[in-house]
Amino acid sequence: MTEFERMLVNSFNAYIEENGIRAISYRLKQHRFTSQFLDVLVDSLNPDLYLGIECKSISVDKGANALYFSQHFTVDKKGIHQIERISEYLDRSGRHGFLAVELRLGPGHGREAYMVPWDELEKKYRSQNLKLTLQEIRNCPEIKREGKDYKVDPREWERK
């Protein structure tokens, strides 16, 4: 589990506890020879909190100017792209999907994170526009920081 994934799980569970919601956020244990569908899951009877989240981090300080679908996502042995696999899982499970993107800005500059709605990501992928620019990522809802930790509030990601 990456630090970003662990911070998101902890942040979701803190949000759940603070708001007295019957839900749980967790990360499935990853095994060497089996793939997982998503990095972070949130289970709840509340459909707005029944979530599946894939996490990606990019190093802006090292010159990254976009999240590339060919570089930052995998293709399995059958040639199926990770976005297609996750989209099918989200559709079959009924979860709301998001891509959480952490932008590492370098020493002394901290980090930023954003929640990209999965359907927007999938639409971009299917249109053959195979990247998300930093500006497109930053146009999505931000995951706020509280000190060095993230503080999620899923109400901020709801569609208006």
N, C-alpha and C. Protein backbone atom coordinates (compact mmCIF):
# COMPACT_ATOMS: atom_id res chain seq x y z
N MET A 1 0.84 -1.17 0.00
CA MET A 1 0.00 0.00 0.00
C MET A 1 0.89 1.24 0.00
N THR A 2 0.61 2.14 -0.91
CA THR A 2 1.40 3.37 -0.94
C THR A 2 0.96 4.30 0.19
N GLU A 3 1.79 5.28 0.47
CA GLU A 3 1.46 6.26 1.51
C GLU A 3 0.17 7.00 1.16
N PHE A 4 -0.01 7.35 -0.11
CA PHE A 4 -1.20 8.07 -0.56
C PHE A 4 -2.45 7.22 -0.32
N GLU A 5 -2.40 5.95 -0.68
CA GLU A 5 -3.54 5.06 -0.47
C GLU A 5 -3.88 4.93 1.01
N ARG A 6 -2.86 4.76 1.84
CA ARG A 6 -3.08 4.63 3.29
C ARG A 6 -3.70 5.90 3.86
N MET A 7 -3.21 7.05 3.41
CA MET A 7 -3.76 8.33 3.87
C MET A 7 -5.23 8.48 3.46
N LEU A 8 -5.57 8.04 2.25
CA LEU A 8 -6.97 8.13 1.81
C LEU A 8 -7.87 7.22 2.63
N VAL A 9 -7.43 5.99 2.86
CA VAL A 9 -8.21 5.05 3.67
C VAL A 9 -8.43 5.64 5.07
N ASN A 10 -7.36 6.14 5.69
CA ASN A 10 -7.48 6.73 7.02
C ASN A 10 -8.40 7.95 7.02
N SER A 11 -8.30 8.76 5.98
CA SER A 11 -9.13 9.95 5.89
C SER A 11 -10.60 9.59 5.72
N PHE A 12 -10.88 8.61 4.87
CA PHE A 12 -12.27 8.17 4.70
C PHE A 12 -12.82 7.63 6.02
N ASN A 13 -12.04 6.81 6.70
CA ASN A 13 -12.52 6.24 7.96
C ASN A 13 -12.72 7.31 9.03
N ALA A 14 -11.88 8.35 9.05
CA ALA A 14 -12.08 9.46 9.98
C ALA A 14 -13.38 10.20 9.63
N TYR A 15 -13.62 10.45 8.35
CA TYR A 15 -14.86 11.11 7.90
C TYR A 15 -16.07 10.29 8.31
N ILE A 16 -16.00 9.00 8.10
CA ILE A 16 -17.11 8.09 8.43
C ILE A 16 -17.39 8.14 9.94
N GLU A 17 -16.34 8.07 10.74
CA GLU A 17 -16.50 8.08 12.20
C GLU A 17 -17.03 9.43 12.69
N GLU A 18 -16.47 10.53 12.18
CA GLU A 18 -16.90 11.87 12.60
C GLU A 18 -18.37 12.13 12.29
N ASN A 19 -18.87 11.52 11.22
CA ASN A 19 -20.24 11.76 10.79
C ASN A 19 -21.20 10.64 11.20
N GLY A 20 -20.72 9.66 11.96
CA GLY A 20 -21.57 8.58 12.45
C GLY A 20 -22.21 7.77 11.34
N ILE A 21 -21.47 7.55 10.27
CA ILE A 21 -21.98 6.83 9.11
C ILE A 21 -21.62 5.35 9.23
N ARG A 22 -22.56 4.49 8.88
CA ARG A 22 -22.27 3.05 8.85
C ARG A 22 -21.59 2.74 7.53
N ALA A 23 -20.28 2.70 7.57
CA ALA A 23 -19.47 2.46 6.37
C ALA A 23 -18.06 2.11 6.81
N ILE A 24 -17.27 1.66 5.86
CA ILE A 24 -15.87 1.36 6.13
C ILE A 24 -15.06 1.55 4.85
N SER A 25 -13.88 2.07 4.99
CA SER A 25 -12.95 2.21 3.88
C SER A 25 -11.78 1.27 4.13
N TYR A 26 -11.29 0.65 3.07
CA TYR A 26 -10.21 -0.32 3.23
C TYR A 26 -9.47 -0.52 1.92
N ARG A 27 -8.36 -1.18 2.05
CA ARG A 27 -7.51 -1.54 0.92
C ARG A 27 -7.38 -3.04 0.93
N LEU A 28 -7.73 -3.69 -0.15
CA LEU A 28 -7.57 -5.14 -0.23
C LEU A 28 -6.09 -5.49 -0.28
N LYS A 29 -5.74 -6.57 0.39
CA LYS A 29 -4.35 -7.01 0.35
C LYS A 29 -4.02 -7.45 -1.07
N GLN A 30 -2.90 -6.98 -1.56
CA GLN A 30 -2.49 -7.31 -2.92
C GLN A 30 -1.57 -8.52 -2.86
N HIS A 31 -1.86 -9.51 -3.68
CA HIS A 31 -1.04 -10.71 -3.75
C HIS A 31 -0.17 -10.66 -5.01
N ARG A 32 0.91 -11.34 -4.95
CA ARG A 32 1.90 -11.25 -6.01
C ARG A 32 1.37 -11.64 -7.39
N PHE A 33 0.56 -12.69 -7.45
CA PHE A 33 0.14 -13.19 -8.76
C PHE A 33 -1.33 -12.91 -9.09
N THR A 34 -2.00 -12.13 -8.27
CA THR A 34 -3.38 -11.77 -8.57
C THR A 34 -3.50 -10.25 -8.59
N SER A 35 -4.26 -9.77 -9.52
CA SER A 35 -4.43 -8.32 -9.61
C SER A 35 -5.63 -7.90 -8.77
N GLN A 36 -5.60 -6.66 -8.34
CA GLN A 36 -6.73 -6.10 -7.62
C GLN A 36 -7.43 -5.16 -8.59
N PHE A 37 -8.71 -4.95 -8.37
CA PHE A 37 -9.43 -4.07 -9.28
C PHE A 37 -9.19 -2.61 -8.98
N LEU A 38 -9.19 -2.24 -7.69
CA LEU A 38 -9.05 -0.85 -7.29
C LEU A 38 -8.18 -0.74 -6.06
N ASP A 39 -7.64 0.44 -5.82
CA ASP A 39 -6.75 0.64 -4.67
C ASP A 39 -7.49 0.84 -3.36
N VAL A 40 -8.57 1.61 -3.37
CA VAL A 40 -9.31 1.92 -2.15
C VAL A 40 -10.79 1.65 -2.40
N LEU A 41 -11.42 0.96 -1.46
CA LEU A 41 -12.85 0.69 -1.53
C LEU A 41 -13.53 1.31 -0.32
N VAL A 42 -14.75 1.80 -0.52
CA VAL A 42 -15.58 2.26 0.58
C VAL A 42 -16.90 1.52 0.45
N ASP A 43 -17.26 0.80 1.49
CA ASP A 43 -18.52 0.06 1.53
C ASP A 43 -19.49 0.78 2.44
N SER A 44 -20.70 0.99 1.95
CA SER A 44 -21.73 1.66 2.72
C SER A 44 -23.08 1.32 2.12
N LEU A 45 -24.11 1.31 2.97
CA LEU A 45 -25.48 1.17 2.46
C LEU A 45 -25.93 2.45 1.77
N ASN A 46 -25.27 3.56 2.07
CA ASN A 46 -25.54 4.83 1.40
C ASN A 46 -24.92 4.75 0.00
N PRO A 47 -25.73 4.77 -1.05
CA PRO A 47 -25.16 4.61 -2.40
C PRO A 47 -24.15 5.68 -2.79
N ASP A 48 -24.26 6.87 -2.18
CA ASP A 48 -23.29 7.93 -2.48
C ASP A 48 -21.91 7.62 -1.90
N LEU A 49 -21.85 6.71 -0.94
CA LEU A 49 -20.57 6.34 -0.32
C LEU A 49 -20.13 4.93 -0.69
N TYR A 50 -20.77 4.32 -1.66
CA TYR A 50 -20.35 3.01 -2.15
C TYR A 50 -19.38 3.28 -3.29
N LEU A 51 -18.07 3.36 -2.94
CA LEU A 51 -17.06 3.91 -3.85
C LEU A 51 -15.95 2.93 -4.19
N GLY A 52 -15.38 3.15 -5.36
CA GLY A 52 -14.16 2.47 -5.78
C GLY A 52 -13.20 3.54 -6.29
N ILE A 53 -11.98 3.54 -5.75
CA ILE A 53 -11.03 4.60 -6.06
C ILE A 53 -9.70 4.01 -6.50
N GLU A 54 -9.24 4.41 -7.65
CA GLU A 54 -7.91 4.07 -8.13
C GLU A 54 -7.01 5.25 -7.81
N CYS A 55 -5.80 4.99 -7.36
CA CYS A 55 -4.88 6.05 -6.95
C CYS A 55 -3.66 6.09 -7.87
N LYS A 56 -3.29 7.28 -8.27
CA LYS A 56 -2.08 7.50 -9.06
C LYS A 56 -1.36 8.72 -8.50
N SER A 57 -0.04 8.68 -8.55
CA SER A 57 0.78 9.81 -8.14
C SER A 57 1.70 10.17 -9.29
N ILE A 58 1.87 11.47 -9.51
CA ILE A 58 2.82 11.90 -10.52
C ILE A 58 3.73 12.97 -9.93
N SER A 59 4.98 12.94 -10.37
CA SER A 59 6.00 13.86 -9.87
C SER A 59 6.10 15.08 -10.77
N VAL A 60 5.40 16.12 -10.41
CA VAL A 60 5.42 17.35 -11.18
C VAL A 60 6.81 17.97 -11.11
N ASP A 61 7.45 17.83 -9.95
CA ASP A 61 8.79 18.41 -9.76
C ASP A 61 9.83 17.77 -10.67
N LYS A 62 9.54 16.59 -11.19
CA LYS A 62 10.49 15.91 -12.08
C LYS A 62 10.07 16.05 -13.54
N GLY A 63 9.18 16.99 -13.81
CA GLY A 63 8.85 17.30 -15.19
C GLY A 63 7.55 16.72 -15.71
N ALA A 64 6.83 15.95 -14.93
CA ALA A 64 5.56 15.39 -15.41
C ALA A 64 4.57 16.53 -15.62
N ASN A 65 3.95 16.56 -16.80
CA ASN A 65 2.98 17.61 -17.08
C ASN A 65 1.60 17.06 -17.39
N ALA A 66 1.45 15.72 -17.25
CA ALA A 66 0.17 15.07 -17.51
C ALA A 66 0.20 13.66 -16.94
N LEU A 67 -0.98 13.09 -16.83
CA LEU A 67 -1.14 11.68 -16.46
C LEU A 67 -1.46 10.96 -17.77
N TYR A 68 -0.54 10.12 -18.21
CA TYR A 68 -0.68 9.44 -19.50
C TYR A 68 -1.29 8.06 -19.32
N PHE A 69 -2.29 7.76 -20.13
CA PHE A 69 -2.98 6.47 -20.00
C PHE A 69 -2.09 5.30 -20.40
N SER A 70 -1.10 5.54 -21.24
CA SER A 70 -0.20 4.45 -21.64
C SER A 70 0.93 4.25 -20.64
N GLN A 71 1.32 5.29 -19.94
CA GLN A 71 2.46 5.23 -19.02
C GLN A 71 2.04 4.91 -17.59
N HIS A 72 0.94 5.48 -17.13
CA HIS A 72 0.56 5.38 -15.72
C HIS A 72 -0.47 4.28 -15.43
N PHE A 73 -0.97 3.63 -16.46
CA PHE A 73 -1.93 2.53 -16.31
C PHE A 73 -1.36 1.29 -16.95
N THR A 74 -1.85 0.13 -16.55
CA THR A 74 -1.32 -1.13 -17.05
C THR A 74 -2.24 -1.75 -18.11
N VAL A 75 -1.68 -2.68 -18.85
CA VAL A 75 -2.42 -3.53 -19.78
C VAL A 75 -2.14 -4.96 -19.34
N ASP A 76 -3.21 -5.77 -19.19
CA ASP A 76 -3.00 -7.13 -18.70
C ASP A 76 -2.55 -8.07 -19.82
N LYS A 77 -2.35 -9.33 -19.48
CA LYS A 77 -1.84 -10.33 -20.44
C LYS A 77 -2.78 -10.53 -21.62
N LYS A 78 -4.06 -10.22 -21.43
CA LYS A 78 -5.04 -10.37 -22.51
C LYS A 78 -5.13 -9.11 -23.37
N GLY A 79 -4.33 -8.09 -23.03
CA GLY A 79 -4.34 -6.85 -23.79
C GLY A 79 -5.43 -5.88 -23.37
N ILE A 80 -6.02 -6.09 -22.20
CA ILE A 80 -7.10 -5.22 -21.73
C ILE A 80 -6.51 -4.12 -20.84
N HIS A 81 -6.80 -2.90 -21.20
CA HIS A 81 -6.27 -1.74 -20.48
C HIS A 81 -6.91 -1.64 -19.10
N GLN A 82 -6.15 -1.13 -18.15
CA GLN A 82 -6.61 -1.00 -16.76
C GLN A 82 -7.88 -0.15 -16.66
N ILE A 83 -8.00 0.89 -17.45
CA ILE A 83 -9.21 1.72 -17.41
C ILE A 83 -10.43 0.89 -17.83
N GLU A 84 -10.29 0.04 -18.82
CA GLU A 84 -11.39 -0.81 -19.25
C GLU A 84 -11.76 -1.81 -18.17
N ARG A 85 -10.76 -2.41 -17.53
CA ARG A 85 -11.02 -3.40 -16.46
C ARG A 85 -11.74 -2.76 -15.28
N ILE A 86 -11.27 -1.59 -14.87
CA ILE A 86 -11.90 -0.91 -13.73
C ILE A 86 -13.30 -0.45 -14.09
N SER A 87 -13.49 0.05 -15.30
CA SER A 87 -14.81 0.49 -15.74
C SER A 87 -15.82 -0.65 -15.68
N GLU A 88 -15.40 -1.81 -16.12
CA GLU A 88 -16.30 -2.97 -16.07
C GLU A 88 -16.62 -3.36 -14.63
N TYR A 89 -15.60 -3.35 -13.76
CA TYR A 89 -15.82 -3.67 -12.35
C TYR A 89 -16.79 -2.67 -11.71
N LEU A 90 -16.60 -1.39 -11.96
CA LEU A 90 -17.48 -0.38 -11.39
C LEU A 90 -18.91 -0.57 -11.89
N ASP A 91 -19.06 -0.86 -13.17
CA ASP A 91 -20.38 -1.08 -13.75
C ASP A 91 -21.06 -2.29 -13.12
N ARG A 92 -20.34 -3.37 -12.99
CA ARG A 92 -20.91 -4.61 -12.45
C ARG A 92 -21.19 -4.52 -10.96
N SER A 93 -20.35 -3.79 -10.23
CA SER A 93 -20.51 -3.71 -8.77
C SER A 93 -21.48 -2.61 -8.34
N GLY A 94 -21.71 -1.64 -9.20
CA GLY A 94 -22.59 -0.52 -8.85
C GLY A 94 -21.90 0.57 -8.05
N ARG A 95 -20.59 0.49 -7.91
CA ARG A 95 -19.85 1.52 -7.17
C ARG A 95 -19.70 2.79 -8.00
N HIS A 96 -19.63 3.92 -7.30
CA HIS A 96 -19.23 5.17 -7.94
C HIS A 96 -17.70 5.15 -8.00
N GLY A 97 -17.15 5.49 -9.13
CA GLY A 97 -15.71 5.41 -9.30
C GLY A 97 -15.04 6.76 -9.39
N PHE A 98 -13.82 6.80 -8.87
CA PHE A 98 -12.99 8.00 -8.94
C PHE A 98 -11.54 7.59 -9.17
N LEU A 99 -10.81 8.50 -9.78
CA LEU A 99 -9.37 8.41 -9.86
C LEU A 99 -8.82 9.49 -8.95
N ALA A 100 -8.12 9.08 -7.89
CA ALA A 100 -7.48 10.04 -6.99
C ALA A 100 -6.07 10.26 -7.51
N VAL A 101 -5.75 11.50 -7.85
CA VAL A 101 -4.44 11.82 -8.40
C VAL A 101 -3.70 12.71 -7.42
N GLU A 102 -2.53 12.24 -7.00
CA GLU A 102 -1.67 13.04 -6.13
C GLU A 102 -0.57 13.65 -6.98
N LEU A 103 -0.43 14.96 -6.86
CA LEU A 103 0.64 15.68 -7.55
C LEU A 103 1.75 15.95 -6.54
N ARG A 104 2.90 15.32 -6.74
CA ARG A 104 4.05 15.57 -5.87
C ARG A 104 4.82 16.75 -6.46
N LEU A 105 4.90 17.83 -5.69
CA LEU A 105 5.45 19.09 -6.19
C LEU A 105 6.91 19.30 -5.84
N GLY A 106 7.50 18.37 -5.10
CA GLY A 106 8.92 18.46 -4.79
C GLY A 106 9.18 18.91 -3.37
N PRO A 107 10.43 18.78 -2.95
CA PRO A 107 10.81 19.16 -1.59
C PRO A 107 10.45 20.61 -1.28
N GLY A 108 9.82 20.81 -0.14
CA GLY A 108 9.44 22.14 0.28
C GLY A 108 8.17 22.68 -0.35
N HIS A 109 7.55 21.91 -1.24
CA HIS A 109 6.35 22.39 -1.94
C HIS A 109 5.12 21.56 -1.62
N GLY A 110 5.26 20.47 -0.88
CA GLY A 110 4.11 19.67 -0.49
C GLY A 110 3.51 18.87 -1.63
N ARG A 111 2.24 18.55 -1.46
CA ARG A 111 1.52 17.74 -2.42
C ARG A 111 0.10 18.26 -2.55
N GLU A 112 -0.49 17.97 -3.69
CA GLU A 112 -1.90 18.28 -3.93
C GLU A 112 -2.56 16.99 -4.40
N ALA A 113 -3.85 16.86 -4.15
CA ALA A 113 -4.57 15.69 -4.63
C ALA A 113 -5.96 16.10 -5.11
N TYR A 114 -6.43 15.39 -6.12
CA TYR A 114 -7.70 15.71 -6.76
C TYR A 114 -8.47 14.43 -7.04
N MET A 115 -9.81 14.54 -7.05
CA MET A 115 -10.69 13.42 -7.35
C MET A 115 -11.29 13.60 -8.74
N VAL A 116 -10.87 12.76 -9.66
CA VAL A 116 -11.38 12.80 -11.02
C VAL A 116 -12.53 11.79 -11.10
N PRO A 117 -13.75 12.23 -11.43
CA PRO A 117 -14.85 11.28 -11.58
C PRO A 117 -14.50 10.25 -12.66
N TRP A 118 -14.75 8.99 -12.36
CA TRP A 118 -14.33 7.92 -13.26
C TRP A 118 -14.99 8.04 -14.63
N ASP A 119 -16.24 8.44 -14.69
CA ASP A 119 -16.90 8.52 -16.00
C ASP A 119 -16.25 9.58 -16.89
N GLU A 120 -15.71 10.65 -16.30
CA GLU A 120 -14.98 11.65 -17.09
C GLU A 120 -13.67 11.07 -17.61
N LEU A 121 -12.98 10.32 -16.76
CA LEU A 121 -11.74 9.67 -17.17
C LEU A 121 -12.00 8.67 -18.28
N GLU A 122 -13.03 7.86 -18.12
CA GLU A 122 -13.36 6.84 -19.12
C GLU A 122 -13.75 7.50 -20.45
N LYS A 123 -14.49 8.58 -20.40
CA LYS A 123 -14.89 9.29 -21.61
C LYS A 123 -13.65 9.80 -22.36
N LYS A 124 -12.72 10.34 -21.62
CA LYS A 124 -11.48 10.84 -22.22
C LYS A 124 -10.68 9.69 -22.85
N TYR A 125 -10.61 8.57 -22.15
CA TYR A 125 -9.90 7.39 -22.66
C TYR A 125 -10.55 6.89 -23.96
N ARG A 126 -11.86 6.78 -23.96
CA ARG A 126 -12.57 6.25 -25.14
C ARG A 126 -12.51 7.20 -26.33
N SER A 127 -12.29 8.49 -26.07
CA SER A 127 -12.20 9.46 -27.18
C SER A 127 -10.79 9.48 -27.78
N GLN A 128 -9.92 8.60 -27.29
CA GLN A 128 -8.54 8.50 -27.76
C GLN A 128 -7.70 9.71 -27.39
N ASN A 129 -8.17 10.52 -26.45
CA ASN A 129 -7.37 11.62 -25.91
C ASN A 129 -6.67 11.01 -24.69
N LEU A 130 -5.47 10.50 -24.88
CA LEU A 130 -4.87 9.56 -23.94
C LEU A 130 -4.04 10.18 -22.83
N LYS A 131 -4.49 11.33 -22.33
CA LYS A 131 -3.82 11.90 -21.17
C LYS A 131 -4.76 12.87 -20.47
N LEU A 132 -4.45 13.12 -19.21
CA LEU A 132 -5.10 14.18 -18.44
C LEU A 132 -4.01 15.20 -18.12
N THR A 133 -4.19 16.42 -18.56
CA THR A 133 -3.19 17.44 -18.28
C THR A 133 -3.29 17.87 -16.81
N LEU A 134 -2.25 18.54 -16.33
CA LEU A 134 -2.28 19.05 -14.96
C LEU A 134 -3.46 19.99 -14.76
N GLN A 135 -3.76 20.81 -15.75
CA GLN A 135 -4.89 21.74 -15.63
C GLN A 135 -6.21 20.99 -15.53
N GLU A 136 -6.38 19.95 -16.34
CA GLU A 136 -7.61 19.15 -16.27
C GLU A 136 -7.75 18.48 -14.92
N ILE A 137 -6.64 17.99 -14.38
CA ILE A 137 -6.66 17.37 -13.05
C ILE A 137 -7.04 18.42 -12.01
N ARG A 138 -6.41 19.58 -12.09
CA ARG A 138 -6.68 20.64 -11.10
C ARG A 138 -8.07 21.24 -11.23
N ASN A 139 -8.76 21.01 -12.33
CA ASN A 139 -10.13 21.46 -12.49
C ASN A 139 -11.12 20.55 -11.76
N CYS A 140 -10.65 19.42 -11.29
CA CYS A 140 -11.49 18.47 -10.55
C CYS A 140 -11.50 18.85 -9.07
N PRO A 141 -12.45 18.29 -8.30
CA PRO A 141 -12.50 18.61 -6.86
C PRO A 141 -11.20 18.23 -6.15
N GLU A 142 -10.73 19.15 -5.33
CA GLU A 142 -9.49 18.92 -4.59
C GLU A 142 -9.77 18.13 -3.32
N ILE A 143 -8.82 17.26 -2.97
CA ILE A 143 -8.86 16.60 -1.67
C ILE A 143 -8.03 17.51 -0.76
N LYS A 144 -8.70 18.14 0.17
CA LYS A 144 -8.05 19.14 1.01
C LYS A 144 -7.01 18.51 1.94
N ARG A 145 -6.08 19.33 2.38
CA ARG A 145 -5.04 18.90 3.32
C ARG A 145 -5.32 19.49 4.68
N GLU A 146 -4.98 18.73 5.68
CA GLU A 146 -5.01 19.21 7.06
C GLU A 146 -3.66 18.82 7.65
N GLY A 147 -2.75 19.78 7.67
CA GLY A 147 -1.38 19.46 8.03
C GLY A 147 -0.77 18.63 6.92
N LYS A 148 -0.21 17.49 7.29
CA LYS A 148 0.37 16.59 6.27
C LYS A 148 -0.62 15.54 5.79
N ASP A 149 -1.80 15.50 6.41
CA ASP A 149 -2.81 14.49 6.07
C ASP A 149 -3.85 15.06 5.11
N TYR A 150 -4.50 14.14 4.39
CA TYR A 150 -5.63 14.54 3.56
C TYR A 150 -6.90 14.46 4.40
N LYS A 151 -7.87 15.29 4.05
CA LYS A 151 -9.15 15.30 4.75
C LYS A 151 -10.24 15.23 3.68
N VAL A 152 -10.81 14.05 3.51
CA VAL A 152 -11.83 13.87 2.47
C VAL A 152 -13.18 14.38 2.95
N ASP A 153 -13.96 14.85 1.99
CA ASP A 153 -15.35 15.19 2.21
C ASP A 153 -16.08 14.85 0.91
N PRO A 154 -16.61 13.63 0.82
CA PRO A 154 -17.25 13.18 -0.43
C PRO A 154 -18.39 14.07 -0.90
N ARG A 155 -18.98 14.87 -0.02
CA ARG A 155 -20.06 15.77 -0.45
C ARG A 155 -19.54 16.79 -1.46
N GLU A 156 -18.26 17.10 -1.40
CA GLU A 156 -17.67 18.06 -2.34
C GLU A 156 -17.51 17.49 -3.74
N TRP A 157 -17.66 16.18 -3.90
CA TRP A 157 -17.46 15.56 -5.21
C TRP A 157 -18.77 15.23 -5.89
N GLU A 158 -19.89 15.48 -5.21
CA GLU A 158 -21.18 15.16 -5.78
C GLU A 158 -21.44 16.05 -6.99
N ARG A 159 -22.13 15.48 -7.94
CA ARG A 159 -22.48 16.26 -9.13
C ARG A 159 -23.66 17.17 -8.82
N LYS A 160 -23.56 18.34 -9.30
CA LYS A 160 -24.64 19.32 -9.07
C LYS A 160 -25.65 19.25 -10.18
